[in-house]
Amino acid sequence: MSSVQFHLDRLKEQLLREISWTIANKINDPRIPDVVTVTEVKLAPDTRSAVVFISIYGDEKEKKGSLIALNRASSFIQKCVAAKVKIKNFPKLSFKIDSSFEYSERINNLLEKIKDDLV
């Protein structure tokens, strides 16, 4: 692994931890549930932008409302995290829903339905 990739991986892990902490402890928006899981941070190679994938338990309406609230609070979250993570160009954060859990759940349910046909 190159030193640049190592640096980016460490930065992603640090951003994930700090963003998670900031959402849990600094954001007081009623549209955002108490439990929001940051599942992944995809950082651009130049570190000027990052997509933060989140998992929220609830129906689609709650998820969309939470996503809107988080994207509106992104500059506040950036400011809080930038105070802890010292890098030259702090990335602009944007949030997206991570639907991989629902997708894997759907695949597992489909496999359970056809399990008897496979034997």
Protein backbone atom coordinates (compact mmCIF):
# COMPACT_ATOMS: atom_id res chain seq x y z
CA MET A 1 0.00 0.00 0.00
CA SER A 2 1.40 3.38 -0.95
CA SER A 3 1.89 6.04 1.68
CA VAL A 4 -0.70 8.27 -0.01
CA GLN A 5 -3.33 5.53 0.15
CA PHE A 6 -2.41 4.79 3.76
CA HIS A 7 -2.84 8.48 4.60
CA LEU A 8 -6.25 8.61 2.87
CA ASP A 9 -7.43 5.44 4.65
CA ARG A 10 -6.42 6.82 8.05
CA LEU A 11 -8.09 10.13 7.26
CA LYS A 12 -11.33 8.36 6.25
CA GLU A 13 -11.35 6.40 9.52
CA GLN A 14 -10.73 9.54 11.55
CA LEU A 15 -13.45 11.45 9.69
CA LEU A 16 -15.90 8.58 10.22
CA ARG A 17 -15.27 8.60 13.98
CA GLU A 18 -15.47 12.37 14.36
CA ILE A 19 -18.55 12.79 12.14
CA SER A 20 -20.32 10.04 14.09
CA TRP A 21 -19.45 11.70 17.39
CA THR A 22 -20.53 15.13 16.17
CA ILE A 23 -23.90 13.88 14.92
CA ALA A 24 -24.54 12.02 18.16
CA ASN A 25 -23.43 14.78 20.54
CA LYS A 26 -23.74 18.17 18.83
CA ILE A 27 -26.77 17.98 16.54
CA ASN A 28 -30.09 18.73 18.25
CA ASP A 29 -32.46 18.56 15.28
CA PRO A 30 -35.69 16.66 16.04
CA ARG A 31 -35.73 15.29 12.48
CA ILE A 32 -32.54 13.36 13.16
CA PRO A 33 -33.07 10.22 15.26
CA ASP A 34 -30.93 9.42 18.27
CA VAL A 35 -29.22 6.56 16.47
CA VAL A 36 -27.59 7.46 13.17
CA THR A 37 -24.81 5.16 12.02
CA VAL A 38 -22.08 6.49 9.77
CA THR A 39 -21.23 3.42 7.70
CA GLU A 40 -18.64 4.78 5.30
CA VAL A 41 -16.83 7.92 4.20
CA LYS A 42 -15.81 8.11 0.54
CA LEU A 43 -13.12 10.72 0.23
CA ALA A 44 -12.08 12.31 -3.05
CA PRO A 45 -8.38 11.81 -3.89
CA ASP A 46 -7.75 15.54 -3.50
CA THR A 47 -9.62 15.50 -0.12
CA ARG A 48 -11.79 18.47 -1.14
CA SER A 49 -15.06 16.54 -0.94
CA ALA A 50 -16.41 13.53 0.91
CA VAL A 51 -19.62 11.55 0.71
CA VAL A 52 -20.76 10.32 4.11
CA PHE A 53 -22.99 7.24 3.98
CA ILE A 54 -25.41 6.88 6.87
CA SER A 55 -27.79 4.21 8.04
CA ILE A 56 -31.00 5.26 9.78
CA TYR A 57 -33.63 2.98 11.23
CA GLY A 58 -37.13 4.02 10.21
CA ASP A 59 -39.47 4.39 7.29
CA GLU A 60 -38.65 6.23 4.06
CA LYS A 61 -40.22 9.49 5.26
CA GLU A 62 -38.04 9.55 8.40
CA LYS A 63 -34.94 8.68 6.39
CA LYS A 64 -35.54 11.44 3.85
CA GLY A 65 -36.23 14.00 6.58
CA SER A 66 -33.08 13.01 8.43
CA LEU A 67 -31.03 13.16 5.25
CA ILE A 68 -32.29 16.67 4.46
CA ALA A 69 -31.53 17.80 8.02
CA LEU A 70 -28.02 16.36 7.92
CA ASN A 71 -27.23 17.94 4.56
CA ARG A 72 -28.46 21.30 5.88
CA ALA A 73 -26.27 20.88 8.96
CA SER A 74 -23.25 19.78 6.93
CA SER A 75 -21.43 23.12 7.28
CA PHE A 76 -21.86 22.99 11.08
CA ILE A 77 -20.65 19.37 11.12
CA GLN A 78 -17.67 20.34 8.93
CA LYS A 79 -16.77 23.15 11.34
CA CYS A 80 -16.95 20.88 14.40
CA VAL A 81 -14.96 18.07 12.79
CA ALA A 82 -12.40 20.47 11.26
CA ALA A 83 -11.59 21.68 14.77
CA LYS A 84 -10.49 18.14 15.65
CA VAL A 85 -9.07 16.88 12.35
CA LYS A 86 -6.25 19.09 11.15
CA ILE A 87 -5.79 18.89 7.38
CA LYS A 88 -4.92 21.54 4.83
CA ASN A 89 -8.15 21.41 2.83
CA PHE A 90 -11.06 20.11 4.85
CA PRO A 91 -13.54 18.26 2.61
CA LYS A 92 -17.02 19.51 1.85
CA LEU A 93 -19.37 16.91 3.31
CA SER A 94 -22.49 15.56 1.67
CA PHE A 95 -24.67 12.84 3.17
CA LYS A 96 -26.34 9.89 1.47
CA ILE A 97 -28.41 6.99 2.75
CA ASP A 98 -26.59 3.66 2.80
CA SER A 99 -29.14 1.13 1.60
CA SER A 100 -26.77 -1.84 1.53
CA PHE A 101 -28.29 -3.32 4.71
CA GLU A 102 -31.81 -3.29 3.24
CA TYR A 103 -30.46 -4.74 -0.01
CA SER A 104 -28.70 -7.61 1.74
CA GLU A 105 -31.81 -8.25 3.85
CA ARG A 106 -33.90 -8.47 0.67
CA ILE A 107 -31.42 -10.91 -0.92
CA ASN A 108 -31.44 -13.09 2.20
CA ASN A 109 -35.25 -13.17 2.20
CA LEU A 110 -35.29 -14.18 -1.47
CA LEU A 111 -32.73 -16.93 -0.82
CA GLU A 112 -34.82 -18.21 2.09
CA LYS A 113 -37.87 -18.42 -0.19
CA ILE A 114 -36.08 -20.52 -2.80
CA LYS A 115 -34.02 -22.60 -0.37
CA ASP A 116 -36.37 -25.58 -0.62
CA ASP A 117 -36.23 -25.50 -4.42
CA LEU A 118 -32.46 -25.76 -4.39
CA VAL A 119 -32.33 -29.00 -2.42
